[in-house]
Structures are given as structure tokens and as C-alpha cells.
Amino acid sequence: MNKDLTLAELRSRLDRLGAGAVLRISDHDYERLFGINEVAAAKAAQFARKHHCVSVPGDGSVYFRKSNPDAYRSVELVQDAPPMSR
């Protein structure tokens, strides 16, 4: 049975994620929970930050990645360093 994700369930799942872990939700659930207008991405990003995550849109899904405050001395996720050339 396919049930819709609730905001409370998403909150619980994000809180249980370990540092660096990723949670994927469908575009359907994302649009239902946050909307589809220009404000939706900001609402999702703010929700993610409250749970020490970042939200990243993908193809057909939205990903929430838990930040690692110990590695970066911050609750914000930093960009990966560019690859080094030889």
C-alpha cells in the first residue's frame, strides 16, 4: 500500500538520519508538503535547516542530506572541494 508521506513523518526521519546520510522523497510528496510555487524551495530549505540537513532537487525526487557539524564545525553543509589536477 502506497501512503502519502506526512510532515511529521518526514521530520522524524530527518531527525533520525546520521551525519552524511541521505533521505529521498518523491516529487509528489515534496509538492504536496511544500507546494509548487517559487516559495516551495525556500520552505523546504528552511525545514531542512531546522533538522540540520540541506535539500537538493533531483530528477523526480528531492534529497535531504544530513550535515556533519563535527567535520565542518558548522551545521551548514559546505561545498565539496574541486578535484585536484595532476
C-alpha atoms as a PDB file:
ATOM      1  CA  MET A   1       0.000   0.000   0.000  1.00  0.00           C
ATOM      2  CA  ASN A   2       1.395   3.374  -1.014  1.00  0.00           C
ATOM      3  CA  LYS A   3       0.637   6.038   1.585  1.00  0.00           C
ATOM      4  CA  ASP A   4       1.493   9.703   1.371  1.00  0.00           C
ATOM      5  CA  LEU A   5       4.379  10.960   3.490  1.00  0.00           C
ATOM      6  CA  THR A   6       3.302  13.311   6.275  1.00  0.00           C
ATOM      7  CA  LEU A   7       5.257  16.310   7.528  1.00  0.00           C
ATOM      8  CA  ALA A   8       5.525  14.681  10.969  1.00  0.00           C
ATOM      9  CA  GLU A   9       6.946  11.512   9.421  1.00  0.00           C
ATOM     10  CA  LEU A  10       9.458  13.497   7.347  1.00  0.00           C
ATOM     11  CA  ARG A  11      10.513  15.419  10.470  1.00  0.00           C
ATOM     12  CA  SER A  12      11.030  12.147  12.352  1.00  0.00           C
ATOM     13  CA  ARG A  13      13.032  10.577   9.518  1.00  0.00           C
ATOM     14  CA  LEU A  14      15.299  13.627   9.184  1.00  0.00           C
ATOM     15  CA  ASP A  15      15.932  13.715  12.927  1.00  0.00           C
ATOM     16  CA  ARG A  16      16.997  10.049  12.882  1.00  0.00           C
ATOM     17  CA  LEU A  17      19.473  10.440   9.999  1.00  0.00           C
ATOM     18  CA  GLY A  18      23.153  10.097  10.788  1.00  0.00           C
ATOM     19  CA  ALA A  19      25.748  12.600   9.575  1.00  0.00           C
ATOM     20  CA  GLY A  20      26.126  12.436   5.794  1.00  0.00           C
ATOM     21  CA  ALA A  21      23.064  10.205   5.328  1.00  0.00           C
ATOM     22  CA  VAL A  22      20.603  10.980   2.544  1.00  0.00           C
ATOM     23  CA  LEU A  23      16.814  10.672   2.507  1.00  0.00           C
ATOM     24  CA  ARG A  24      14.950  10.743  -0.820  1.00  0.00           C
ATOM     25  CA  ILE A  25      11.326  11.776  -1.160  1.00  0.00           C
ATOM     26  CA  SER A  26       9.257  11.774  -4.341  1.00  0.00           C
ATOM     27  CA  ASP A  27       8.351  14.944  -6.195  1.00  0.00           C
ATOM     28  CA  HIS A  28       4.715  14.071  -5.431  1.00  0.00           C
ATOM     29  CA  ASP A  29       5.344  14.176  -1.667  1.00  0.00           C
ATOM     30  CA  TYR A  30       7.555  17.278  -1.993  1.00  0.00           C
ATOM     31  CA  GLU A  31       4.885  19.207  -3.907  1.00  0.00           C
ATOM     32  CA  ARG A  32       2.148  18.105  -1.510  1.00  0.00           C
ATOM     33  CA  LEU A  33       4.162  19.081   1.593  1.00  0.00           C
ATOM     34  CA  PHE A  34       5.860  22.275   0.398  1.00  0.00           C
ATOM     35  CA  GLY A  35       3.981  23.420  -2.720  1.00  0.00           C
ATOM     36  CA  ILE A  36       4.989  24.014  -6.318  1.00  0.00           C
ATOM     37  CA  ASN A  37       5.392  27.783  -6.481  1.00  0.00           C
ATOM     38  CA  GLU A  38       8.555  29.867  -6.172  1.00  0.00           C
ATOM     39  CA  VAL A  39       8.303  29.772  -2.365  1.00  0.00           C
ATOM     40  CA  ALA A  40       8.360  25.961  -2.148  1.00  0.00           C
ATOM     41  CA  ALA A  41      12.152  25.596  -2.424  1.00  0.00           C
ATOM     42  CA  ALA A  42      12.706  28.205   0.307  1.00  0.00           C
ATOM     43  CA  LYS A  43      10.185  26.467   2.586  1.00  0.00           C
ATOM     44  CA  ALA A  44      11.852  23.097   2.003  1.00  0.00           C
ATOM     45  CA  ALA A  45      15.335  24.551   2.601  1.00  0.00           C
ATOM     46  CA  GLN A  46      14.213  26.206   5.841  1.00  0.00           C
ATOM     47  CA  PHE A  47      12.569  22.973   7.015  1.00  0.00           C
ATOM     48  CA  ALA A  48      15.750  21.040   6.165  1.00  0.00           C
ATOM     49  CA  ARG A  49      17.983  23.515   8.057  1.00  0.00           C
ATOM     50  CA  LYS A  50      15.848  23.110  11.184  1.00  0.00           C
ATOM     51  CA  HIS A  51      16.770  19.421  11.061  1.00  0.00           C
ATOM     52  CA  HIS A  52      20.464  20.034  10.242  1.00  0.00           C
ATOM     53  CA  CYS A  53      20.035  18.999   6.600  1.00  0.00           C
ATOM     54  CA  VAL A  54      20.182  20.520   3.150  1.00  0.00           C
ATOM     55  CA  SER A  55      17.580  19.887   0.460  1.00  0.00           C
ATOM     56  CA  VAL A  56      18.698  19.136  -3.088  1.00  0.00           C
ATOM     57  CA  PRO A  57      16.280  18.760  -6.017  1.00  0.00           C
ATOM     58  CA  GLY A  58      16.873  15.795  -8.284  1.00  0.00           C
ATOM     59  CA  ASP A  59      15.237  14.064 -11.210  1.00  0.00           C
ATOM     60  CA  GLY A  60      11.793  13.035  -9.932  1.00  0.00           C
ATOM     61  CA  SER A  61      12.879  13.344  -6.295  1.00  0.00           C
ATOM     62  CA  VAL A  62      14.157  15.701  -3.647  1.00  0.00           C
ATOM     63  CA  TYR A  63      17.071  14.633  -1.461  1.00  0.00           C
ATOM     64  CA  PHE A  64      17.706  15.690   2.119  1.00  0.00           C
ATOM     65  CA  ARG A  65      21.311  15.273   3.256  1.00  0.00           C
ATOM     66  CA  LYS A  66      22.233  15.421   6.935  1.00  0.00           C
ATOM     67  CA  SER A  67      25.116  17.761   7.607  1.00  0.00           C
ATOM     68  CA  ASN A  68      28.092  16.792   9.741  1.00  0.00           C
ATOM     69  CA  PRO A  69      28.743  19.637  12.205  1.00  0.00           C
ATOM     70  CA  ASP A  70      31.808  17.865  13.646  1.00  0.00           C
ATOM     71  CA  ALA A  71      33.544  17.723  10.263  1.00  0.00           C
ATOM     72  CA  TYR A  72      32.843  21.321   9.334  1.00  0.00           C
ATOM     73  CA  ARG A  73      32.402  22.962  12.758  1.00  0.00           C
ATOM     74  CA  SER A  74      29.063  24.203  11.482  1.00  0.00           C
ATOM     75  CA  VAL A  75      25.543  22.934  10.993  1.00  0.00           C
ATOM     76  CA  GLU A  76      25.711  24.206   7.406  1.00  0.00           C
ATOM     77  CA  LEU A  77      26.955  21.868   4.699  1.00  0.00           C
ATOM     78  CA  VAL A  78      29.933  23.185   2.738  1.00  0.00           C
ATOM     79  CA  GLN A  79      30.545  22.626  -0.951  1.00  0.00           C
ATOM     80  CA  ASP A  80      32.871  19.796  -1.937  1.00  0.00           C
ATOM     81  CA  ALA A  81      36.344  20.902  -2.930  1.00  0.00           C
ATOM     82  CA  PRO A  82      37.070  20.833  -6.676  1.00  0.00           C
ATOM     83  CA  PRO A  83      39.143  17.886  -7.879  1.00  0.00           C
ATOM     84  CA  MET A  84      42.887  18.444  -7.891  1.00  0.00           C
ATOM     85  CA  SER A  85      44.678  18.243 -11.218  1.00  0.00           C
ATOM     86  CA  ARG A  86      47.961  16.394 -11.580  1.00  0.00           C
END
